[in-house]
């Protein structure tokens, strides 16, 4: 039997070890799914390359003290979580290590100070989710949930520990409901969005509802306190169906801000952590009265509006006309329209000349998608020659990808005149390998 000692964890929550060569030296790397650092495990490889292999754990010969029994009975089959077998505190520590390793190995930078990780409730936290629907004719069942690991099939999950309890309890009734609809074969997906006091579900439908379908949907909504939306084309086609009299929103009470949103809009999945993240980001940004601030990739205004409660002016820039208008309306709703302005611009091609046209910003918050903010960083580099006086004195970078953050950090430190003052992880997605983080850059 093949055995291997696990020495570390990788970004995909796999144990990492090395085979031993015949002369006793370290051989190729093996990534073992289900194994934890410090463990001695048996394994079976299912993918082999010249310098590495990917394997599954087949036996456990020495157990890590950080190993726990997964709370969810579908863990290992469902692909929604990958780290439930690891103590929650240890998950955070490993994510912090992933961030530090990426900053050094990719960006060749180290933070002067590592921030204390941001973490919170580890169960029932996922207020947004995309649930797949599949009618398995041979088994006579309808499945609703996440995909199986490394599979296009939908997991046969009856509950979900990371969804809010009231949503988890709805999975089986949802299966029964969809199985009773005439459009059972034309309903591939349900988008979940939980706001404060409202649970919205967007049905992605490819056919028209019958009168009997409508009766059943309305009865379900009344019983389970769900607000149905219907989406027949792209995300912007989603419209309220029944009942259509409530408002979906989340709040940031520390700043007196209320954020209405549509269930297909991008919002953070973890409302508790988002509140803490916004508070931490604003403390790190350290905005002073009278200052002008830029919020890049501003979305609905999640950071823009709280910043506007302090700064003289905040300029939010977003790549989507729809989100830009939604942010503008949210500013108006919160009485902050006079201190904010929003524009649509492709931040993946922004240049130093664009920044010159925008004028001087004292501070800047950057919250890009997984692709990062390379063009923004290059524009800041080019400002060193074009107009060095326009560079913000402090940048706060909120990232959902440690690798692209590390790449961009290297650019800012190496070529734009900044130092990496602080960095730390944000455990937005407990029990998954997803690493959210925040970094602070100051002009040297």
Protein backbone atom coordinates (compact mmCIF):
# COMPACT_ATOMS: atom_id res chain seq x y z
CA UNK A 1 0.00 0.00 0.00
CA UNK A 2 1.23 3.48 -0.88
CA UNK A 3 1.77 5.68 2.17
CA UNK A 4 2.81 9.32 2.39
CA UNK A 5 3.44 11.88 5.11
CA UNK A 6 1.52 15.11 4.61
CA UNK A 7 3.55 18.25 5.30
CA UNK A 8 1.27 21.10 4.14
CA UNK A 9 -2.04 22.15 2.59
CA UNK A 10 -2.57 23.66 -0.85
CA UNK A 11 -5.02 26.31 -2.07
CA UNK A 12 -7.52 23.60 -3.07
CA UNK A 13 -7.58 22.13 0.46
CA UNK A 14 -5.52 19.06 -0.47
CA UNK A 15 -2.77 17.60 1.67
CA UNK A 16 0.70 17.93 0.12
CA UNK A 17 3.49 15.39 0.51
CA UNK A 18 6.47 13.99 -1.36
CA UNK A 19 7.21 10.49 -2.51
CA UNK A 20 10.60 9.11 -1.46
CA UNK A 21 13.12 8.17 -4.13
CA UNK A 22 15.11 4.95 -3.83
CA UNK A 23 18.14 6.89 -2.59
CA UNK A 24 16.10 8.47 0.21
CA UNK A 25 15.74 11.89 -1.39
CA UNK A 26 12.43 13.64 -1.92
CA UNK A 27 10.58 12.62 -5.06
CA UNK A 28 7.57 14.00 -6.87
CA UNK A 29 4.84 15.97 -5.10
CA UNK A 30 1.53 14.26 -4.35
CA UNK A 31 -1.67 16.21 -3.67
CA UNK A 32 -3.93 14.03 -1.52
CA UNK A 33 -7.61 14.92 -1.22
CA UNK A 34 -8.95 14.47 2.30
CA UNK A 35 -5.53 14.45 4.01
CA UNK A 36 -4.33 17.03 6.56
CA UNK A 37 -0.86 18.35 7.45
CA UNK A 38 0.96 16.08 9.91
CA UNK A 39 -0.93 12.97 8.91
CA UNK A 40 0.41 9.68 7.57
CA UNK A 41 -2.06 8.37 4.99
CA UNK A 42 -2.56 5.71 2.40
CA UNK A 43 -3.44 7.04 -1.03
CA UNK A 44 -4.48 6.13 -4.53
CA UNK A 45 -3.42 8.38 -7.40
CA UNK A 46 -5.89 9.10 -10.19
CA UNK A 47 -3.81 11.65 -12.11
CA UNK A 48 -0.07 11.38 -12.73
CA UNK A 49 2.40 13.77 -14.32
CA UNK A 50 6.18 13.78 -14.48
CA UNK A 51 6.63 15.91 -11.34
CA UNK A 52 3.34 15.52 -9.46
CA UNK A 53 0.33 13.33 -8.81
CA UNK A 54 -3.22 13.91 -7.55
CA UNK A 55 -4.66 11.28 -5.25
CA UNK A 56 -7.46 10.44 -2.86
CA UNK A 57 -6.84 9.29 0.71
CA UNK A 58 -7.64 5.59 1.17
CA UNK A 59 -6.55 5.07 4.79
CA UNK A 60 -5.46 7.08 7.82
CA UNK A 61 -2.46 5.79 9.80
CA UNK A 62 -1.63 8.86 11.89
CA UNK A 63 -4.34 11.43 12.55
CA UNK A 64 -3.90 15.18 12.89
CA UNK A 65 -5.08 16.74 16.14
CA UNK A 66 -6.88 19.31 13.94
CA UNK A 67 -9.08 16.70 12.25
CA UNK A 68 -12.79 16.90 13.15
CA UNK A 69 -15.89 14.99 12.14
CA UNK A 70 -17.64 16.90 9.30
CA UNK A 71 -20.96 18.31 10.43
CA UNK A 72 -22.64 17.75 7.08
CA UNK A 73 -23.47 14.15 6.18
CA UNK A 74 -23.02 14.98 2.49
CA UNK A 75 -19.46 16.27 2.87
CA UNK A 76 -17.14 14.45 0.48
CA UNK A 77 -19.88 14.01 -2.12
CA UNK A 78 -21.16 17.57 -2.43
CA UNK A 79 -18.62 19.98 -3.91
CA UNK A 80 -19.85 22.98 -1.92
CA UNK A 81 -17.29 22.50 0.89
CA UNK A 82 -13.77 21.11 0.94
CA UNK A 83 -12.50 21.71 4.52
CA UNK A 84 -15.18 20.50 6.95
CA UNK A 85 -12.80 17.81 8.18
CA UNK A 86 -10.44 20.50 9.52
CA UNK A 87 -10.93 22.49 12.73
CA UNK A 88 -12.42 25.91 11.89
CA UNK A 89 -9.59 27.86 13.59
CA UNK A 90 -7.01 25.82 11.71
CA UNK A 91 -8.78 26.61 8.43
CA UNK A 92 -8.23 30.32 9.05
CA UNK A 93 -4.57 29.78 9.94
CA UNK A 94 -3.99 27.82 6.74
CA UNK A 95 -5.66 30.53 4.64
CA UNK A 96 -3.40 33.12 6.27
CA UNK A 97 -0.41 30.97 5.32
CA UNK A 98 -1.71 30.68 1.74
CA UNK A 99 -1.88 34.48 1.54
CA UNK A 100 1.64 34.92 2.92
CA UNK A 101 3.04 32.25 0.57
CA UNK A 102 1.38 33.84 -2.47
CA UNK A 103 2.63 37.31 -1.57
CA UNK A 104 6.18 36.01 -1.34
CA UNK A 105 6.35 33.41 -4.10
CA UNK A 106 4.35 35.38 -6.69
CA UNK A 107 4.79 39.03 -5.73
CA UNK A 108 8.16 38.76 -3.94
CA UNK A 109 6.76 40.97 -1.16
CA UNK A 110 6.04 40.59 2.53
CA UNK A 111 3.67 42.69 4.61
CA UNK A 112 5.30 44.72 7.36
CA UNK A 113 2.41 43.63 9.64
CA UNK A 114 0.03 40.68 9.24
CA UNK A 115 -3.45 41.63 10.39
CA UNK A 116 -5.52 39.48 12.72
CA UNK A 117 -7.84 37.36 10.52
CA UNK A 118 -11.49 38.35 10.20
CA UNK A 119 -13.81 35.45 10.93
CA UNK A 120 -17.27 34.81 12.33
CA UNK A 121 -20.05 32.18 12.30
CA UNK A 122 -18.98 29.04 10.47
CA UNK A 123 -22.42 27.53 9.81
CA UNK A 124 -25.56 28.92 8.19
CA UNK A 125 -23.63 31.85 6.77
CA UNK A 126 -24.26 31.55 3.04
CA UNK A 127 -26.94 34.11 2.16
CA UNK A 128 -26.33 33.83 -1.57
CA UNK A 129 -26.13 30.62 -3.58
CA UNK A 130 -26.75 29.25 -7.04
CA UNK A 131 -28.61 25.96 -6.67
CA UNK A 132 -28.67 23.61 -9.63
CA UNK A 133 -31.80 21.60 -10.47
CA UNK A 134 -31.79 18.21 -12.15
CA UNK A 135 -34.63 15.81 -12.88
CA UNK A 136 -33.19 12.29 -12.70
CA UNK A 137 -35.80 10.39 -14.68
CA UNK A 138 -34.31 6.92 -14.08
CA UNK A 139 -34.56 7.40 -10.31
CA UNK A 140 -37.76 9.40 -10.41
CA UNK A 141 -36.35 12.23 -8.30
CA UNK A 142 -35.61 15.93 -8.60
CA UNK A 143 -32.30 17.11 -7.10
CA UNK A 144 -31.74 20.66 -5.85
CA UNK A 145 -28.36 21.75 -4.56
CA UNK A 146 -24.68 22.11 -5.39
CA UNK A 147 -22.76 19.96 -7.84
CA UNK A 148 -20.90 16.86 -6.74
CA UNK A 149 -17.12 17.15 -6.39
CA UNK A 150 -15.42 17.31 -9.79
CA UNK A 151 -18.72 16.52 -11.51
CA UNK A 152 -21.49 18.10 -13.53
CA UNK A 153 -24.04 16.04 -11.60
CA UNK A 154 -26.10 17.60 -8.81
CA UNK A 155 -25.42 16.16 -5.37
CA UNK A 156 -28.23 14.22 -3.74
CA UNK A 157 -28.25 16.49 -0.69
CA UNK A 158 -31.23 16.75 1.63
CA UNK A 159 -29.85 19.50 3.87
CA UNK A 160 -26.97 21.99 3.78
CA UNK A 161 -25.14 23.19 6.88
CA UNK A 162 -23.71 26.36 5.31
CA UNK A 163 -27.06 27.65 4.06
CA UNK A 164 -29.28 29.49 6.56
CA UNK A 165 -31.26 26.86 8.52
CA UNK A 166 -34.62 27.93 7.09
CA UNK A 167 -33.25 27.52 3.55
CA UNK A 168 -31.66 24.17 4.34
CA UNK A 169 -35.01 22.96 5.64
CA UNK A 170 -36.59 23.95 2.31
CA UNK A 171 -34.41 21.75 0.08
CA UNK A 172 -36.63 18.68 0.23
CA UNK A 173 -39.90 20.66 -0.12
CA UNK A 174 -38.31 22.43 -3.11
CA UNK A 175 -37.56 19.09 -4.70
CA UNK A 176 -41.19 18.05 -4.25
CA UNK A 177 -42.49 21.37 -5.57
CA UNK A 178 -40.36 21.35 -8.73
CA UNK A 179 -41.27 17.72 -9.35
CA UNK A 180 -44.92 18.77 -9.46
CA UNK A 181 -44.46 21.57 -12.04
CA UNK A 182 -45.17 21.22 -15.74
CA UNK A 183 -41.81 22.92 -16.52
CA UNK A 184 -39.77 20.38 -14.56
CA UNK A 185 -37.45 19.90 -17.57
CA UNK A 186 -37.13 23.64 -18.24
CA UNK A 187 -36.04 24.80 -14.79
CA UNK A 188 -32.24 24.30 -14.52
CA UNK A 189 -31.35 26.69 -11.71
CA UNK A 190 -32.52 28.58 -8.62
CA UNK A 191 -30.67 31.71 -7.50
CA UNK A 192 -30.94 32.25 -3.74
CA UNK A 193 -30.59 35.68 -2.14
CA UNK A 194 -31.40 36.20 1.54
CA UNK A 195 -31.86 39.76 2.73
CA UNK A 196 -32.98 41.11 6.09
CA UNK A 197 -36.43 39.63 6.60
CA UNK A 198 -36.77 38.49 2.97
CA UNK A 199 -35.76 35.24 1.26
CA UNK A 200 -35.82 35.59 -2.52
CA UNK A 201 -35.51 32.72 -4.99
CA UNK A 202 -35.08 33.36 -8.70
CA UNK A 203 -36.40 30.56 -10.88
CA UNK A 204 -34.48 30.31 -14.16
CA UNK A 205 -37.33 29.15 -16.38
CA UNK A 206 -37.15 28.19 -20.05
CA UNK A 207 -40.92 27.82 -20.56
CA UNK A 208 -44.15 29.53 -19.55
CA UNK A 209 -45.82 28.62 -16.27
CA UNK A 210 -49.25 27.04 -16.42
CA UNK A 211 -52.13 28.21 -14.22
CA UNK A 212 -51.62 25.12 -12.05
CA UNK A 213 -47.88 25.88 -11.75
CA UNK A 214 -48.73 29.37 -10.53
CA UNK A 215 -51.09 28.06 -7.88
CA UNK A 216 -48.41 25.70 -6.54
CA UNK A 217 -45.67 28.36 -6.52
CA UNK A 218 -47.88 30.82 -4.66
CA UNK A 219 -48.90 28.21 -2.09
CA UNK A 220 -45.22 27.36 -1.50
CA UNK A 221 -44.33 31.05 -1.12
CA UNK A 222 -47.11 31.56 1.43
CA UNK A 223 -46.12 28.49 3.45
CA UNK A 224 -42.34 28.98 3.48
CA UNK A 225 -42.23 32.82 3.38
CA UNK A 226 -40.35 32.93 0.08
CA UNK A 227 -40.45 35.67 -2.55
CA UNK A 228 -40.37 34.20 -6.05
CA UNK A 229 -38.66 35.96 -8.95
CA UNK A 230 -38.73 34.70 -12.53
CA UNK A 231 -35.84 34.90 -14.99
CA UNK A 232 -36.43 33.88 -18.60
CA UNK A 233 -33.25 35.30 -20.18
CA UNK A 234 -30.14 36.99 -18.73
CA UNK A 235 -29.79 38.17 -15.11
CA UNK A 236 -31.34 41.56 -15.89
CA UNK A 237 -34.56 39.87 -17.03
CA UNK A 238 -35.25 38.71 -13.46
CA UNK A 239 -38.48 40.27 -12.17
CA UNK A 240 -40.50 39.86 -8.95
CA UNK A 241 -43.35 37.38 -9.32
CA UNK A 242 -45.02 36.58 -5.99
CA UNK A 243 -45.35 38.22 -3.54
CA UNK A 244 -43.95 41.37 -5.15
CA UNK A 245 -44.40 43.84 -2.32
CA UNK A 246 -41.25 43.47 -0.22
CA UNK A 247 -37.75 44.91 -0.57
CA UNK A 248 -34.55 42.88 -0.58
CA UNK A 249 -31.77 44.67 1.31
CA UNK A 250 -28.89 44.34 3.76
CA UNK A 251 -27.71 46.98 6.19
CA UNK A 252 -24.44 48.36 7.52
CA UNK A 253 -25.71 49.72 10.86
CA UNK A 254 -22.34 51.11 11.97
CA UNK A 255 -22.64 53.63 9.14
CA UNK A 256 -26.42 54.00 9.07
CA UNK A 257 -26.53 52.58 5.53
CA UNK A 258 -29.26 50.40 4.01
CA UNK A 259 -28.42 48.67 0.72
CA UNK A 260 -31.34 47.51 -1.49
CA UNK A 261 -30.36 44.96 -4.13
CA UNK A 262 -31.83 42.60 -6.69
CA UNK A 263 -31.31 38.88 -6.10
CA UNK A 264 -29.19 38.64 -9.27
CA UNK A 265 -26.90 41.54 -8.22
CA UNK A 266 -23.43 40.76 -6.89
CA UNK A 267 -23.38 41.04 -3.10
CA UNK A 268 -21.20 39.31 -0.52
CA UNK A 269 -22.51 35.89 0.51
CA UNK A 270 -21.72 36.36 4.21
CA UNK A 271 -23.54 39.39 5.64
CA UNK A 272 -21.92 39.14 9.08
CA UNK A 273 -18.39 39.07 7.68
CA UNK A 274 -19.22 41.80 5.16
CA UNK A 275 -20.11 44.16 8.02
CA UNK A 276 -16.83 43.42 9.75
CA UNK A 277 -14.89 43.72 6.49
CA UNK A 278 -16.37 47.12 5.65
CA UNK A 279 -15.58 48.37 9.14
CA UNK A 280 -12.00 47.04 8.97
CA UNK A 281 -11.45 48.44 5.47
CA UNK A 282 -12.58 51.90 6.49
CA UNK A 283 -10.39 51.91 9.59
CA UNK A 284 -7.44 50.89 7.42
CA UNK A 285 -8.27 53.48 4.77
CA UNK A 286 -8.19 56.07 7.58
CA UNK A 287 -10.10 58.71 5.62
CA UNK A 288 -9.86 62.23 7.00
CA UNK A 289 -12.48 64.95 6.69
CA UNK A 290 -11.98 67.00 3.57
CA UNK A 291 -10.38 64.16 1.60
CA UNK A 292 -11.36 62.89 -1.84
CA UNK A 293 -11.52 59.10 -2.20
CA UNK A 294 -11.87 56.71 -5.15
CA UNK A 295 -13.71 53.39 -4.85
CA UNK A 296 -12.79 51.20 -7.82
CA UNK A 297 -14.99 48.22 -8.79
CA UNK A 298 -17.59 49.83 -6.50
CA UNK A 299 -20.57 47.62 -7.39
CA UNK A 300 -23.71 48.68 -5.51
CA UNK A 301 -21.70 51.00 -3.26
CA UNK A 302 -20.87 48.51 -0.49
CA UNK A 303 -17.77 50.53 0.45
CA UNK A 304 -18.61 53.82 -1.32
CA UNK A 305 -21.54 54.77 0.87
CA UNK A 306 -19.83 54.08 4.23
CA UNK A 307 -16.78 56.06 3.01
CA UNK A 308 -19.11 58.92 2.07
CA UNK A 309 -20.20 59.24 5.71
CA UNK A 310 -16.62 60.42 6.46
CA UNK A 311 -14.97 61.80 3.31
CA UNK A 312 -15.62 65.07 1.53
CA UNK A 313 -16.23 63.28 -1.77
CA UNK A 314 -16.21 59.67 -3.00
CA UNK A 315 -16.00 58.72 -6.67
CA UNK A 316 -17.29 55.22 -7.39
CA UNK A 317 -16.21 53.58 -10.65
CA UNK A 318 -17.75 50.35 -11.92
CA UNK A 319 -17.68 48.46 -15.21
CA UNK A 320 -21.43 47.84 -15.37
CA UNK A 321 -23.95 50.55 -16.29
CA UNK A 322 -26.62 48.65 -14.39
CA UNK A 323 -24.60 48.49 -11.16
CA UNK A 324 -23.50 52.11 -11.55
CA UNK A 325 -27.13 53.23 -11.69
CA UNK A 326 -28.02 50.96 -8.76
CA UNK A 327 -25.19 52.51 -6.71
CA UNK A 328 -26.40 56.00 -7.64
CA UNK A 329 -29.92 55.14 -6.45
CA UNK A 330 -28.58 53.63 -3.21
CA UNK A 331 -26.65 56.84 -2.52
CA UNK A 332 -29.84 58.83 -3.06
CA UNK A 333 -31.82 56.51 -0.78
CA UNK A 334 -29.24 56.97 1.98
CA UNK A 335 -28.98 60.74 1.66
CA UNK A 336 -25.41 60.56 0.37
CA UNK A 337 -25.85 61.62 -3.26
CA UNK A 338 -24.26 65.03 -2.69
CA UNK A 339 -21.02 63.43 -1.46
CA UNK A 340 -20.83 60.71 -4.10
CA UNK A 341 -20.54 60.45 -7.86
CA UNK A 342 -20.57 57.30 -9.95
CA UNK A 343 -19.36 56.52 -13.45
CA UNK A 344 -19.05 53.48 -15.69
CA UNK A 345 -15.56 52.70 -16.94
CA UNK A 346 -13.72 49.53 -17.92
CA UNK A 347 -11.15 49.26 -15.13
CA UNK A 348 -9.35 46.45 -16.95
CA UNK A 349 -8.10 48.97 -19.52
CA UNK A 350 -7.84 52.14 -17.41
CA UNK A 351 -4.70 54.25 -17.99
CA UNK A 352 -2.70 56.89 -16.18
CA UNK A 353 -4.26 59.49 -18.49
CA UNK A 354 -7.70 58.41 -17.23
CA UNK A 355 -6.53 58.98 -13.66
CA UNK A 356 -5.23 62.42 -14.61
CA UNK A 357 -8.69 63.24 -16.00
CA UNK A 358 -10.31 62.07 -12.76
CA UNK A 359 -8.14 64.38 -10.67
CA UNK A 360 -6.35 63.97 -7.36
CA UNK A 361 -7.49 61.25 -4.93
CA UNK A 362 -6.11 61.26 -1.41
CA UNK A 363 -6.97 57.60 -0.85
CA UNK A 364 -8.22 54.72 -2.94
CA UNK A 365 -10.12 51.49 -2.26
CA UNK A 366 -9.82 48.70 -4.84
CA UNK A 367 -12.17 45.70 -4.72
CA UNK A 368 -11.72 43.78 -7.99
CA UNK A 369 -13.06 40.37 -9.10
CA UNK A 370 -10.77 37.34 -9.27
CA UNK A 371 -8.86 38.73 -12.25
CA UNK A 372 -7.41 41.41 -10.00
CA UNK A 373 -6.54 45.00 -10.89
CA UNK A 374 -3.46 44.81 -13.11
CA UNK A 375 -4.46 47.75 -15.33
CA UNK A 376 -5.12 49.92 -12.27
CA UNK A 377 -1.70 49.05 -10.87
CA UNK A 378 -0.02 49.74 -14.21
CA UNK A 379 -1.78 53.11 -14.38
CA UNK A 380 -0.46 53.95 -10.90
CA UNK A 381 3.01 52.95 -12.08
CA UNK A 382 2.71 55.20 -15.13
CA UNK A 383 1.58 58.07 -12.90
CA UNK A 384 5.06 58.00 -11.34
CA UNK A 385 6.27 59.65 -14.56
CA UNK A 386 3.15 61.36 -15.86
CA UNK A 387 1.89 63.00 -12.65
CA UNK A 388 3.46 61.59 -9.46
CA UNK A 389 1.63 64.13 -7.30
CA UNK A 390 -1.70 62.47 -8.21
CA UNK A 391 -0.86 59.12 -6.63
CA UNK A 392 -3.07 58.37 -3.58
CA UNK A 393 -1.10 58.24 -0.34
CA UNK A 394 -2.86 55.06 0.78
CA UNK A 395 -4.50 52.15 -1.06
CA UNK A 396 -6.73 49.52 0.53
CA UNK A 397 -7.05 46.46 -1.72
CA UNK A 398 -9.83 43.94 -0.98
CA UNK A 399 -9.16 40.69 -2.83
CA UNK A 400 -10.95 37.42 -3.55
CA UNK A 401 -7.84 35.83 -5.08
CA UNK A 402 -4.51 35.69 -3.21
CA UNK A 403 -2.61 34.99 -6.43
CA UNK A 404 -3.80 38.08 -8.30
CA UNK A 405 -3.42 40.19 -5.15
CA UNK A 406 0.18 38.98 -4.89
CA UNK A 407 0.84 39.77 -8.55
CA UNK A 408 -0.60 43.28 -8.15
CA UNK A 409 1.21 43.81 -4.84
CA UNK A 410 4.50 43.05 -6.58
CA UNK A 411 3.76 45.70 -9.21
CA UNK A 412 2.81 48.35 -6.64
CA UNK A 413 5.84 47.74 -4.42
CA UNK A 414 8.41 47.18 -7.15
CA UNK A 415 7.39 49.90 -9.61
CA UNK A 416 4.78 52.31 -8.18
CA UNK A 417 6.56 53.55 -5.06
CA UNK A 418 4.35 51.85 -2.46
CA UNK A 419 5.14 49.62 0.50
CA UNK A 420 2.92 46.78 1.70
CA UNK A 421 2.08 47.93 5.22
CA UNK A 422 -0.60 45.39 6.21
CA UNK A 423 -2.22 42.22 4.93
CA UNK A 424 -4.60 39.65 6.36
CA UNK A 425 -7.29 37.12 5.47
CA UNK A 426 -11.06 37.41 5.65
CA UNK A 427 -12.82 34.07 6.16
CA UNK A 428 -15.82 34.94 3.99
CA UNK A 429 -16.42 31.28 3.03
CA UNK A 430 -15.79 28.93 5.99
CA UNK A 431 -15.20 25.25 5.12
CA UNK A 432 -14.17 26.13 1.56
CA UNK A 433 -10.71 26.80 0.15
CA UNK A 434 -11.75 30.28 -0.99
CA UNK A 435 -9.40 32.95 0.42
CA UNK A 436 -10.61 36.54 0.73
CA UNK A 437 -8.06 39.08 1.96
CA UNK A 438 -7.30 42.74 2.51
CA UNK A 439 -4.02 44.59 1.99
CA UNK A 440 -2.86 48.15 2.68
CA UNK A 441 -0.27 50.02 0.57
CA UNK A 442 1.33 53.31 1.57
CA UNK A 443 3.50 55.63 -0.52
CA UNK A 444 7.13 55.38 0.55
